[in-house]
Structure formats: C-alpha cells, structure tokens
N, C-alpha and C. Protein backbone atom coordinates (compact mmCIF):
# COMPACT_ATOMS: atom_id res chain seq x y z
N PHE A 1 -22.53 -37.40 81.83
CA PHE A 1 -23.08 -38.09 80.66
C PHE A 1 -24.41 -38.75 80.99
N CYS A 2 -24.51 -39.38 82.15
CA CYS A 2 -25.81 -39.79 82.69
C CYS A 2 -25.66 -39.96 84.19
N GLY A 3 -26.72 -39.62 84.90
CA GLY A 3 -26.66 -39.57 86.35
C GLY A 3 -26.56 -40.94 87.01
N LEU A 4 -26.11 -40.94 88.26
CA LEU A 4 -26.04 -42.18 89.04
C LEU A 4 -27.41 -42.83 89.14
N ASP A 5 -28.44 -42.01 89.18
CA ASP A 5 -29.80 -42.52 89.33
C ASP A 5 -30.43 -42.91 87.99
N ASN A 6 -29.67 -42.84 86.91
CA ASN A 6 -30.20 -43.14 85.57
C ASN A 6 -29.16 -43.92 84.76
N PRO A 7 -28.77 -45.11 85.22
CA PRO A 7 -27.65 -45.83 84.60
C PRO A 7 -27.86 -46.21 83.14
N ASN A 8 -29.08 -46.23 82.66
CA ASN A 8 -29.34 -46.57 81.26
C ASN A 8 -29.69 -45.35 80.42
N GLY A 9 -29.40 -44.16 80.95
CA GLY A 9 -29.81 -42.94 80.27
C GLY A 9 -28.80 -42.35 79.30
N ASP A 10 -27.63 -42.93 79.19
CA ASP A 10 -26.56 -42.33 78.39
C ASP A 10 -26.96 -42.11 76.93
N MET A 11 -26.74 -40.88 76.45
CA MET A 11 -27.01 -40.52 75.05
C MET A 11 -25.76 -39.94 74.37
N THR A 12 -24.59 -40.32 74.86
CA THR A 12 -23.35 -39.78 74.33
C THR A 12 -23.21 -40.03 72.83
N ASP A 13 -23.49 -41.24 72.39
CA ASP A 13 -23.35 -41.55 70.95
C ASP A 13 -24.30 -40.70 70.11
N GLU A 14 -25.53 -40.52 70.57
CA GLU A 14 -26.48 -39.72 69.81
C GLU A 14 -26.02 -38.26 69.72
N ILE A 15 -25.47 -37.74 70.81
CA ILE A 15 -24.98 -36.37 70.81
C ILE A 15 -23.75 -36.24 69.90
N ARG A 16 -22.87 -37.24 69.93
CA ARG A 16 -21.70 -37.22 69.03
C ARG A 16 -22.16 -37.10 67.58
N GLU A 17 -23.11 -37.92 67.19
CA GLU A 17 -23.60 -37.91 65.81
C GLU A 17 -24.25 -36.57 65.46
N LEU A 18 -24.97 -36.00 66.40
CA LEU A 18 -25.61 -34.71 66.19
C LEU A 18 -24.57 -33.62 65.94
N PHE A 19 -23.51 -33.60 66.75
CA PHE A 19 -22.46 -32.60 66.56
C PHE A 19 -21.73 -32.82 65.24
N LYS A 20 -21.52 -34.08 64.85
CA LYS A 20 -20.89 -34.37 63.56
C LYS A 20 -21.74 -33.82 62.41
N LYS A 21 -23.04 -34.02 62.50
CA LYS A 21 -23.97 -33.57 61.46
C LYS A 21 -23.83 -32.07 61.19
N TYR A 22 -23.55 -31.30 62.23
CA TYR A 22 -23.44 -29.85 62.09
C TYR A 22 -22.00 -29.36 62.13
N ASN A 23 -21.04 -30.29 62.00
CA ASN A 23 -19.62 -29.95 62.03
C ASN A 23 -19.31 -29.01 63.19
N ALA A 24 -19.75 -29.41 64.37
CA ALA A 24 -19.63 -28.58 65.57
C ALA A 24 -18.81 -29.29 66.64
N LYS A 25 -18.17 -28.50 67.46
CA LYS A 25 -17.38 -29.01 68.59
C LYS A 25 -17.90 -28.37 69.87
N ALA A 26 -17.67 -29.04 71.00
CA ALA A 26 -18.16 -28.51 72.27
C ALA A 26 -17.21 -28.86 73.40
N THR A 27 -17.32 -28.10 74.46
CA THR A 27 -16.69 -28.42 75.73
C THR A 27 -17.79 -28.97 76.62
N PHE A 28 -17.62 -30.20 77.06
CA PHE A 28 -18.59 -30.83 77.94
C PHE A 28 -18.09 -30.68 79.37
N PHE A 29 -18.77 -29.86 80.16
CA PHE A 29 -18.43 -29.72 81.58
C PHE A 29 -19.12 -30.87 82.30
N VAL A 30 -18.31 -31.77 82.85
CA VAL A 30 -18.79 -33.06 83.33
C VAL A 30 -18.64 -33.18 84.83
N THR A 31 -19.70 -33.66 85.49
CA THR A 31 -19.58 -34.03 86.89
C THR A 31 -18.99 -35.43 86.95
N GLY A 32 -18.09 -35.65 87.89
CA GLY A 32 -17.44 -36.95 88.02
C GLY A 32 -18.43 -38.09 88.16
N SER A 33 -19.51 -37.86 88.93
CA SER A 33 -20.50 -38.93 89.15
C SER A 33 -21.22 -39.31 87.86
N HIS A 34 -21.27 -38.41 86.88
CA HIS A 34 -21.95 -38.72 85.63
C HIS A 34 -21.09 -39.56 84.68
N CYS A 35 -19.89 -39.89 85.08
CA CYS A 35 -19.04 -40.76 84.26
C CYS A 35 -19.21 -42.23 84.64
N MET A 36 -19.86 -42.50 85.75
CA MET A 36 -19.92 -43.86 86.28
C MET A 36 -20.66 -44.85 85.38
N HIS A 37 -21.64 -44.37 84.60
CA HIS A 37 -22.44 -45.28 83.77
C HIS A 37 -22.27 -45.02 82.28
N THR A 38 -21.18 -44.35 81.91
CA THR A 38 -20.90 -44.10 80.50
C THR A 38 -19.64 -44.87 80.14
N ASP A 39 -19.71 -45.66 79.09
CA ASP A 39 -18.56 -46.45 78.66
C ASP A 39 -17.39 -45.55 78.32
N GLN A 40 -16.22 -45.96 78.76
CA GLN A 40 -15.00 -45.20 78.49
C GLN A 40 -14.81 -44.99 76.99
N GLU A 41 -15.12 -46.01 76.20
CA GLU A 41 -14.96 -45.93 74.74
C GLU A 41 -15.80 -44.80 74.15
N LYS A 42 -17.01 -44.58 74.67
CA LYS A 42 -17.88 -43.52 74.15
C LYS A 42 -17.25 -42.15 74.42
N ILE A 43 -16.69 -41.99 75.60
CA ILE A 43 -16.07 -40.71 75.95
C ILE A 43 -14.81 -40.50 75.13
N GLU A 44 -14.03 -41.56 74.94
CA GLU A 44 -12.81 -41.44 74.13
C GLU A 44 -13.15 -41.07 72.69
N LYS A 45 -14.23 -41.62 72.13
CA LYS A 45 -14.66 -41.28 70.77
C LYS A 45 -15.07 -39.81 70.70
N LEU A 46 -15.75 -39.34 71.72
CA LEU A 46 -16.13 -37.93 71.79
C LEU A 46 -14.89 -37.04 71.72
N LEU A 47 -13.87 -37.43 72.46
CA LEU A 47 -12.61 -36.67 72.47
C LEU A 47 -11.91 -36.77 71.12
N GLU A 48 -11.93 -37.95 70.51
CA GLU A 48 -11.31 -38.13 69.18
C GLU A 48 -11.98 -37.24 68.14
N ASP A 49 -13.26 -36.96 68.32
CA ASP A 49 -14.00 -36.10 67.39
C ASP A 49 -13.62 -34.62 67.54
N GLY A 50 -12.80 -34.29 68.55
CA GLY A 50 -12.36 -32.91 68.72
C GLY A 50 -13.07 -32.14 69.82
N HIS A 51 -13.94 -32.82 70.57
CA HIS A 51 -14.59 -32.19 71.71
C HIS A 51 -13.63 -32.22 72.89
N GLU A 52 -13.99 -31.53 73.96
CA GLU A 52 -13.18 -31.59 75.17
C GLU A 52 -14.10 -31.78 76.37
N ILE A 53 -13.54 -32.36 77.43
CA ILE A 53 -14.27 -32.49 78.68
C ILE A 53 -13.56 -31.64 79.72
N ALA A 54 -14.35 -31.04 80.61
CA ALA A 54 -13.79 -30.16 81.63
C ALA A 54 -14.54 -30.39 82.95
N ASN A 55 -13.94 -29.91 84.01
CA ASN A 55 -14.39 -30.16 85.38
C ASN A 55 -15.65 -29.35 85.73
N HIS A 56 -16.63 -30.09 86.30
CA HIS A 56 -17.88 -29.49 86.75
C HIS A 56 -18.21 -29.95 88.18
N GLY A 57 -17.19 -30.48 88.89
CA GLY A 57 -17.41 -31.00 90.25
C GLY A 57 -17.86 -32.44 90.22
N MET A 58 -17.87 -33.07 91.38
CA MET A 58 -18.28 -34.48 91.46
C MET A 58 -19.78 -34.64 91.27
N TYR A 59 -20.56 -33.70 91.78
CA TYR A 59 -22.01 -33.82 91.76
C TYR A 59 -22.61 -32.51 91.26
N ASP A 60 -23.82 -32.60 90.77
CA ASP A 60 -24.47 -31.40 90.25
C ASP A 60 -25.24 -30.70 91.37
N TRP A 61 -24.45 -30.12 92.28
CA TRP A 61 -25.05 -29.32 93.35
C TRP A 61 -24.13 -28.15 93.65
N PRO A 62 -24.63 -27.11 94.27
CA PRO A 62 -23.81 -25.93 94.55
C PRO A 62 -22.70 -26.24 95.57
N TYR A 63 -21.52 -25.71 95.29
CA TYR A 63 -20.36 -25.88 96.17
C TYR A 63 -19.98 -24.57 96.86
N ASN A 64 -20.77 -23.54 96.68
CA ASN A 64 -20.37 -22.23 97.16
C ASN A 64 -20.31 -22.10 98.68
N HIS A 65 -20.86 -23.04 99.43
CA HIS A 65 -20.76 -23.00 100.89
C HIS A 65 -19.74 -24.01 101.42
N TYR A 66 -19.06 -24.70 100.53
CA TYR A 66 -18.05 -25.67 100.96
C TYR A 66 -16.82 -24.95 101.50
N PRO A 67 -16.22 -25.49 102.56
CA PRO A 67 -14.91 -24.96 102.97
C PRO A 67 -13.89 -25.24 101.86
N GLN A 68 -12.86 -24.47 101.82
CA GLN A 68 -11.87 -24.56 100.75
C GLN A 68 -11.30 -25.97 100.59
N ASP A 69 -10.94 -26.62 101.69
CA ASP A 69 -10.33 -27.95 101.61
C ASP A 69 -11.31 -28.99 101.05
N GLN A 70 -12.59 -28.89 101.43
CA GLN A 70 -13.57 -29.84 100.90
C GLN A 70 -13.82 -29.61 99.42
N PHE A 71 -13.89 -28.37 99.01
CA PHE A 71 -14.08 -28.09 97.59
C PHE A 71 -12.87 -28.60 96.79
N GLU A 72 -11.68 -28.36 97.30
CA GLU A 72 -10.48 -28.82 96.60
C GLU A 72 -10.46 -30.34 96.47
N GLU A 73 -10.85 -31.03 97.51
CA GLU A 73 -10.90 -32.50 97.46
C GLU A 73 -11.88 -32.97 96.40
N ASP A 74 -13.04 -32.37 96.35
CA ASP A 74 -14.05 -32.71 95.35
C ASP A 74 -13.54 -32.40 93.94
N PHE A 75 -12.96 -31.22 93.79
CA PHE A 75 -12.41 -30.79 92.50
C PHE A 75 -11.36 -31.79 92.00
N MET A 76 -10.45 -32.19 92.88
CA MET A 76 -9.37 -33.11 92.50
C MET A 76 -9.90 -34.51 92.20
N GLN A 77 -10.92 -34.94 92.93
CA GLN A 77 -11.53 -36.24 92.66
C GLN A 77 -12.12 -36.25 91.25
N THR A 78 -12.80 -35.18 90.88
CA THR A 78 -13.36 -35.07 89.54
C THR A 78 -12.25 -35.05 88.50
N ASP A 79 -11.20 -34.29 88.77
CA ASP A 79 -10.06 -34.21 87.86
C ASP A 79 -9.46 -35.61 87.62
N GLN A 80 -9.32 -36.40 88.67
CA GLN A 80 -8.78 -37.77 88.52
C GLN A 80 -9.68 -38.61 87.63
N ILE A 81 -10.98 -38.50 87.81
CA ILE A 81 -11.91 -39.27 86.98
C ILE A 81 -11.78 -38.86 85.52
N LEU A 82 -11.74 -37.55 85.25
CA LEU A 82 -11.64 -37.09 83.86
C LEU A 82 -10.32 -37.52 83.23
N ARG A 83 -9.27 -37.61 84.02
CA ARG A 83 -7.96 -38.01 83.49
C ARG A 83 -7.90 -39.48 83.11
N GLN A 84 -8.92 -40.25 83.45
CA GLN A 84 -9.01 -41.63 82.96
C GLN A 84 -9.19 -41.66 81.44
N TYR A 85 -9.74 -40.56 80.90
CA TYR A 85 -10.07 -40.50 79.49
C TYR A 85 -9.03 -39.75 78.67
N THR A 86 -8.37 -38.78 79.27
CA THR A 86 -7.38 -37.98 78.55
C THR A 86 -6.54 -37.19 79.54
N ASP A 87 -5.30 -36.93 79.16
CA ASP A 87 -4.46 -36.03 79.95
C ASP A 87 -4.66 -34.58 79.52
N ASN A 88 -5.39 -34.39 78.43
CA ASN A 88 -5.60 -33.07 77.88
C ASN A 88 -6.90 -32.45 78.41
N ILE A 89 -6.91 -32.20 79.72
CA ILE A 89 -8.07 -31.57 80.35
C ILE A 89 -7.81 -30.06 80.36
N PRO A 90 -8.67 -29.28 79.71
CA PRO A 90 -8.46 -27.83 79.72
C PRO A 90 -8.63 -27.28 81.13
N LYS A 91 -7.97 -26.19 81.40
CA LYS A 91 -7.97 -25.58 82.73
C LYS A 91 -9.19 -24.67 82.92
N TYR A 92 -10.38 -25.27 82.74
CA TYR A 92 -11.64 -24.56 82.91
C TYR A 92 -12.50 -25.32 83.91
N TYR A 93 -13.30 -24.58 84.62
CA TYR A 93 -14.25 -25.15 85.58
C TYR A 93 -15.55 -24.37 85.44
N ARG A 94 -16.66 -25.09 85.48
CA ARG A 94 -17.97 -24.44 85.50
C ARG A 94 -18.68 -24.84 86.78
N ALA A 95 -18.96 -23.87 87.61
CA ALA A 95 -19.62 -24.14 88.89
C ALA A 95 -21.06 -24.59 88.67
N PRO A 96 -21.46 -25.71 89.28
CA PRO A 96 -22.86 -26.12 89.19
C PRO A 96 -23.79 -25.02 89.71
N HIS A 97 -24.89 -24.85 89.03
CA HIS A 97 -25.91 -23.86 89.39
C HIS A 97 -25.36 -22.43 89.35
N ALA A 98 -24.17 -22.25 88.75
CA ALA A 98 -23.51 -20.95 88.65
C ALA A 98 -23.28 -20.31 90.02
N LYS A 99 -23.16 -21.12 91.05
CA LYS A 99 -22.91 -20.63 92.41
C LYS A 99 -21.41 -20.71 92.65
N PHE A 100 -20.80 -19.56 92.91
CA PHE A 100 -19.35 -19.46 93.01
C PHE A 100 -18.99 -18.69 94.27
N SER A 101 -17.88 -19.06 94.90
CA SER A 101 -17.48 -18.42 96.16
C SER A 101 -15.99 -18.09 96.15
N LYS A 102 -15.57 -17.34 97.14
CA LYS A 102 -14.14 -17.01 97.32
C LYS A 102 -13.33 -18.28 97.56
N ASN A 103 -13.87 -19.23 98.34
CA ASN A 103 -13.16 -20.49 98.58
C ASN A 103 -12.93 -21.24 97.27
N MET A 104 -13.94 -21.26 96.42
CA MET A 104 -13.80 -21.93 95.13
C MET A 104 -12.78 -21.19 94.27
N GLU A 105 -12.87 -19.87 94.27
CA GLU A 105 -11.94 -19.05 93.49
C GLU A 105 -10.49 -19.28 93.94
N SER A 106 -10.27 -19.41 95.23
CA SER A 106 -8.92 -19.65 95.76
C SER A 106 -8.35 -20.96 95.24
N VAL A 107 -9.18 -22.00 95.24
CA VAL A 107 -8.73 -23.30 94.74
C VAL A 107 -8.42 -23.22 93.24
N LEU A 108 -9.32 -22.62 92.48
CA LEU A 108 -9.11 -22.52 91.04
C LEU A 108 -7.85 -21.70 90.73
N ASP A 109 -7.65 -20.61 91.46
CA ASP A 109 -6.45 -19.79 91.26
C ASP A 109 -5.19 -20.61 91.54
N LYS A 110 -5.22 -21.36 92.62
CA LYS A 110 -4.07 -22.19 93.01
C LYS A 110 -3.75 -23.24 91.95
N LYS A 111 -4.80 -23.79 91.33
CA LYS A 111 -4.64 -24.84 90.32
C LYS A 111 -4.45 -24.28 88.91
N GLY A 112 -4.61 -22.96 88.76
CA GLY A 112 -4.46 -22.34 87.45
C GLY A 112 -5.66 -22.50 86.54
N TYR A 113 -6.84 -22.61 87.12
CA TYR A 113 -8.08 -22.81 86.35
C TYR A 113 -8.85 -21.50 86.22
N THR A 114 -9.66 -21.42 85.17
CA THR A 114 -10.55 -20.29 84.93
C THR A 114 -11.98 -20.75 85.12
N HIS A 115 -12.76 -19.95 85.84
CA HIS A 115 -14.18 -20.25 86.00
C HIS A 115 -14.92 -19.75 84.76
N ILE A 116 -15.67 -20.62 84.14
CA ILE A 116 -16.40 -20.30 82.92
C ILE A 116 -17.88 -20.08 83.25
N VAL A 117 -18.40 -18.98 82.74
CA VAL A 117 -19.82 -18.66 82.90
C VAL A 117 -20.40 -18.49 81.50
N CYS A 118 -21.58 -19.03 81.29
CA CYS A 118 -22.22 -18.90 79.98
C CYS A 118 -23.00 -17.59 79.88
N ASP A 119 -23.26 -17.19 78.65
CA ASP A 119 -24.12 -16.02 78.45
C ASP A 119 -25.37 -16.40 77.65
N GLY A 120 -25.53 -17.69 77.37
CA GLY A 120 -26.72 -18.17 76.70
C GLY A 120 -27.23 -19.43 77.37
N PHE A 121 -28.26 -19.28 78.20
CA PHE A 121 -28.84 -20.41 78.93
C PHE A 121 -30.33 -20.17 79.07
N ALA A 122 -31.12 -21.23 78.91
CA ALA A 122 -32.58 -21.07 78.90
C ALA A 122 -33.27 -21.97 79.93
N SER A 123 -32.68 -22.19 81.08
CA SER A 123 -33.30 -23.02 82.13
C SER A 123 -33.80 -24.35 81.58
N ASP A 124 -32.96 -24.99 80.77
CA ASP A 124 -33.36 -26.20 80.06
C ASP A 124 -33.60 -27.40 80.98
N THR A 125 -33.19 -27.33 82.23
CA THR A 125 -33.47 -28.43 83.15
C THR A 125 -34.90 -28.37 83.68
N ALA A 126 -35.51 -27.20 83.60
CA ALA A 126 -36.84 -27.00 84.17
C ALA A 126 -37.93 -26.71 83.13
N ILE A 127 -37.54 -26.35 81.92
CA ILE A 127 -38.52 -25.98 80.89
C ILE A 127 -38.44 -27.01 79.76
N PRO A 128 -39.39 -27.95 79.72
CA PRO A 128 -39.33 -29.03 78.73
C PRO A 128 -39.88 -28.63 77.36
N ASP A 129 -39.33 -27.55 76.80
CA ASP A 129 -39.81 -27.04 75.52
C ASP A 129 -38.60 -26.74 74.63
N ALA A 130 -38.23 -27.70 73.82
CA ALA A 130 -37.02 -27.60 72.99
C ALA A 130 -37.03 -26.38 72.08
N LYS A 131 -38.16 -26.11 71.47
CA LYS A 131 -38.24 -24.96 70.55
C LYS A 131 -38.02 -23.65 71.29
N TRP A 132 -38.64 -23.50 72.45
CA TRP A 132 -38.47 -22.28 73.25
C TRP A 132 -37.02 -22.14 73.70
N ILE A 133 -36.42 -23.23 74.17
CA ILE A 133 -35.02 -23.20 74.63
C ILE A 133 -34.12 -22.70 73.51
N SER A 134 -34.26 -23.32 72.35
CA SER A 134 -33.42 -22.95 71.21
C SER A 134 -33.65 -21.50 70.79
N LYS A 135 -34.88 -21.10 70.68
CA LYS A 135 -35.19 -19.72 70.27
C LYS A 135 -34.60 -18.71 71.25
N PHE A 136 -34.74 -18.98 72.54
CA PHE A 136 -34.21 -18.08 73.57
C PHE A 136 -32.69 -17.97 73.47
N ILE A 137 -32.02 -19.13 73.33
CA ILE A 137 -30.55 -19.13 73.25
C ILE A 137 -30.09 -18.43 71.98
N LEU A 138 -30.72 -18.71 70.86
CA LEU A 138 -30.32 -18.08 69.60
C LEU A 138 -30.49 -16.56 69.66
N LYS A 139 -31.51 -16.09 70.35
CA LYS A 139 -31.73 -14.66 70.48
C LYS A 139 -30.60 -14.01 71.31
N LYS A 140 -30.04 -14.73 72.26
CA LYS A 140 -28.99 -14.22 73.14
C LYS A 140 -27.59 -14.30 72.51
N THR A 141 -27.43 -15.12 71.49
CA THR A 141 -26.12 -15.43 70.94
C THR A 141 -25.53 -14.26 70.16
N LYS A 142 -24.23 -14.05 70.41
CA LYS A 142 -23.44 -13.07 69.66
C LYS A 142 -22.06 -13.68 69.48
N PRO A 143 -21.22 -13.13 68.61
CA PRO A 143 -19.88 -13.70 68.44
C PRO A 143 -19.15 -13.81 69.79
N GLY A 144 -18.61 -14.99 70.03
CA GLY A 144 -17.88 -15.24 71.28
C GLY A 144 -18.75 -15.76 72.41
N SER A 145 -20.04 -15.94 72.17
CA SER A 145 -20.93 -16.44 73.22
C SER A 145 -20.55 -17.84 73.67
N ILE A 146 -20.79 -18.08 74.95
CA ILE A 146 -20.68 -19.42 75.51
C ILE A 146 -22.09 -19.86 75.86
N LEU A 147 -22.54 -20.91 75.19
CA LEU A 147 -23.91 -21.38 75.32
C LEU A 147 -23.95 -22.64 76.18
N LEU A 148 -25.03 -22.79 76.93
CA LEU A 148 -25.18 -23.95 77.80
C LEU A 148 -26.51 -24.63 77.55
N ILE A 149 -26.42 -25.90 77.18
CA ILE A 149 -27.58 -26.79 77.16
C ILE A 149 -27.12 -28.07 77.84
N HIS A 150 -27.84 -28.51 78.85
CA HIS A 150 -27.45 -29.70 79.59
C HIS A 150 -27.60 -30.95 78.72
N MET A 151 -26.75 -31.93 78.99
CA MET A 151 -26.76 -33.19 78.27
C MET A 151 -28.09 -33.90 78.47
N PRO A 152 -28.74 -34.29 77.38
CA PRO A 152 -29.97 -35.07 77.55
C PRO A 152 -29.63 -36.50 77.98
N GLU A 153 -30.55 -37.10 78.68
CA GLU A 153 -30.46 -38.51 79.04
C GLU A 153 -31.80 -39.15 78.71
N ARG A 154 -31.79 -40.41 78.39
CA ARG A 154 -33.06 -41.10 78.22
C ARG A 154 -33.84 -40.99 79.52
N GLY A 155 -35.03 -40.44 79.44
CA GLY A 155 -35.87 -40.32 80.62
C GLY A 155 -35.62 -39.07 81.45
N VAL A 156 -34.55 -38.33 81.14
CA VAL A 156 -34.22 -37.11 81.89
C VAL A 156 -33.79 -36.04 80.87
N ARG A 157 -34.52 -34.97 80.80
CA ARG A 157 -34.19 -33.86 79.89
C ARG A 157 -34.04 -34.32 78.43
N GLU A 158 -34.80 -35.31 78.03
CA GLU A 158 -34.68 -35.78 76.64
C GLU A 158 -34.96 -34.67 75.64
N TRP A 159 -35.77 -33.69 76.04
CA TRP A 159 -36.09 -32.56 75.16
C TRP A 159 -34.84 -31.78 74.77
N ASN A 160 -33.78 -31.91 75.56
CA ASN A 160 -32.56 -31.16 75.24
C ASN A 160 -31.87 -31.68 73.98
N TYR A 161 -32.14 -32.93 73.61
CA TYR A 161 -31.59 -33.42 72.34
C TYR A 161 -32.13 -32.56 71.20
N GLU A 162 -33.43 -32.36 71.16
CA GLU A 162 -34.04 -31.53 70.12
C GLU A 162 -33.58 -30.07 70.27
N ALA A 163 -33.47 -29.60 71.51
CA ALA A 163 -33.02 -28.22 71.74
C ALA A 163 -31.61 -28.02 71.19
N ILE A 164 -30.74 -29.00 71.40
CA ILE A 164 -29.37 -28.91 70.87
C ILE A 164 -29.40 -28.89 69.36
N GLU A 165 -30.19 -29.80 68.76
CA GLU A 165 -30.23 -29.84 67.30
C GLU A 165 -30.77 -28.53 66.72
N LEU A 166 -31.84 -28.03 67.26
CA LEU A 166 -32.41 -26.77 66.76
C LEU A 166 -31.42 -25.62 66.93
N THR A 167 -30.69 -25.62 68.04
CA THR A 167 -29.71 -24.56 68.28
C THR A 167 -28.54 -24.68 67.32
N LEU A 168 -28.02 -25.89 67.13
CA LEU A 168 -26.93 -26.08 66.17
C LEU A 168 -27.35 -25.66 64.77
N LYS A 169 -28.54 -26.07 64.37
CA LYS A 169 -29.07 -25.71 63.04
C LYS A 169 -29.17 -24.19 62.91
N GLY A 170 -29.74 -23.54 63.91
CA GLY A 170 -29.90 -22.09 63.88
C GLY A 170 -28.57 -21.36 63.86
N LEU A 171 -27.61 -21.85 64.63
CA LEU A 171 -26.28 -21.22 64.65
C LEU A 171 -25.61 -21.33 63.28
N LYS A 172 -25.71 -22.50 62.67
CA LYS A 172 -25.13 -22.69 61.33
C LYS A 172 -25.80 -21.77 60.32
N GLU A 173 -27.13 -21.67 60.39
CA GLU A 173 -27.86 -20.81 59.47
C GLU A 173 -27.45 -19.34 59.62
N GLU A 174 -27.07 -18.96 60.83
CA GLU A 174 -26.63 -17.58 61.09
C GLU A 174 -25.13 -17.39 60.82
N GLY A 175 -24.46 -18.46 60.37
CA GLY A 175 -23.06 -18.36 59.99
C GLY A 175 -22.06 -18.51 61.13
N TYR A 176 -22.50 -18.99 62.27
CA TYR A 176 -21.59 -19.18 63.40
C TYR A 176 -20.77 -20.45 63.26
N ARG A 177 -19.57 -20.40 63.77
CA ARG A 177 -18.72 -21.58 63.91
C ARG A 177 -18.88 -22.03 65.36
N ILE A 178 -19.14 -23.30 65.57
CA ILE A 178 -19.42 -23.83 66.90
C ILE A 178 -18.19 -24.62 67.35
N THR A 179 -17.59 -24.17 68.45
CA THR A 179 -16.31 -24.73 68.83
C THR A 179 -16.18 -24.86 70.34
N THR A 180 -15.03 -25.34 70.78
CA THR A 180 -14.76 -25.55 72.19
C THR A 180 -14.37 -24.24 72.87
N VAL A 181 -14.42 -24.24 74.19
CA VAL A 181 -13.98 -23.07 74.95
C VAL A 181 -12.49 -22.83 74.71
N SER A 182 -11.70 -23.89 74.62
CA SER A 182 -10.26 -23.73 74.37
C SER A 182 -10.00 -23.02 73.05
N GLU A 183 -10.70 -23.44 72.01
CA GLU A 183 -10.50 -22.79 70.71
C GLU A 183 -11.02 -21.35 70.73
N LEU A 184 -12.12 -21.15 71.41
CA LEU A 184 -12.65 -19.79 71.54
C LEU A 184 -11.62 -18.88 72.22
N GLU A 185 -10.97 -19.39 73.26
CA GLU A 185 -9.95 -18.60 73.93
C GLU A 185 -8.76 -18.31 72.99
N GLU A 186 -8.35 -19.32 72.23
CA GLU A 186 -7.25 -19.12 71.26
C GLU A 186 -7.62 -18.05 70.25
N LEU A 187 -8.84 -18.11 69.74
CA LEU A 187 -9.28 -17.13 68.75
C LEU A 187 -9.32 -15.71 69.33
N SER A 188 -9.68 -15.60 70.61
CA SER A 188 -9.77 -14.29 71.23
C SER A 188 -8.40 -13.65 71.45
N GLN A 189 -7.35 -14.48 71.43
CA GLN A 189 -5.99 -13.97 71.66
C GLN A 189 -5.26 -13.69 70.36
N SER A 190 -5.86 -14.04 69.23
CA SER A 190 -5.17 -13.82 67.95
C SER A 190 -5.56 -12.52 67.31
C-alpha cells in the first residue's frame, strides 16, 4: 500500500473511491512490508468493498535465487501479516518482478497456491506516462486478461492513479467487467 521508505504515501482511500466510481473489483498483490504504514481500517474497508489481498512476498525484490526454506519463511511471514486483515486470503501468489524458480514453485505447491502472471503490463514503475500506460494495457486486454498496474503512492508512481482511472474507464467503455482473480477463476470454471 505504501513503502517503508514512504510512510506518508498511502493512497488506499483514493484507490477505493476510484474503483467504486467504476463499479470495479481488484486483487491487490501486497508485499508485507507495504502494510506497515497503512491503517488497518483502510485495508479492512477495501476488503469490505469486495476487493481481495494476496501474497506478493515481504519485499518487492526477486526471490528466484532464494533457497526453498528462506523463500518459505518470507512467504509465511507475508501470509501472517495479511491475515491480520482477513482470514479470506486467496491461494494466489504473484512473484515480484515476475521472477519465478523451482524452489518457489515447490513452496507454492506445498501450500496449495497458484502463481499468477499478468498478460497486461506496461512497465508502469519506470514509465511516468499515464495515458501511454493505459493505452498499452487496453490494447493488450482480452476477455479473461489479468492486468497489472502498481499501487500509486504520494511521491512514488503517482501517475499510476491516472493510469488506473483511464484503464478502468476504457475497460468499462469496451464492456468489460472488472473483477478479482478469485471471481475470474470461478467464471472460468462455469
């Protein structure tokens, strides 16, 4: 929700309102360290709105070279932090930087988790152009797509707020329903 190095950067409430405006739901893949400066009440309200939070590791760095036991320890630490907010944590994990390894796969298999990879991402952490990000993602989107835009923070990736709004608006205009990964999986099985 906001990094350890940006304790006043939280924009959870603004993002909640944005998703409400477009009647959209999302799965927020959260690093445990990003929960340290976000009020529990804000996260609980996000969950009450029908969003979900899922495991993204303790820190936003690649884990693909971690030994299995170290990755599992990190994974479980993040899981404990997320369980402060809800017991309804979906069994999904998104590897930071999309770097994935056999050790990580072994842990996820043991825990019954699925690794989630997006098919719509526009390098939004490095390209501060909301219109370009949205246009690129919308061009890639098809039914069943999993889209990724990183959470904006005050002073860090603030352009992603506009990118999210433009993307939500464009998806609605194209007739898409914007939902969580859990609901997407349910729909794919029906």
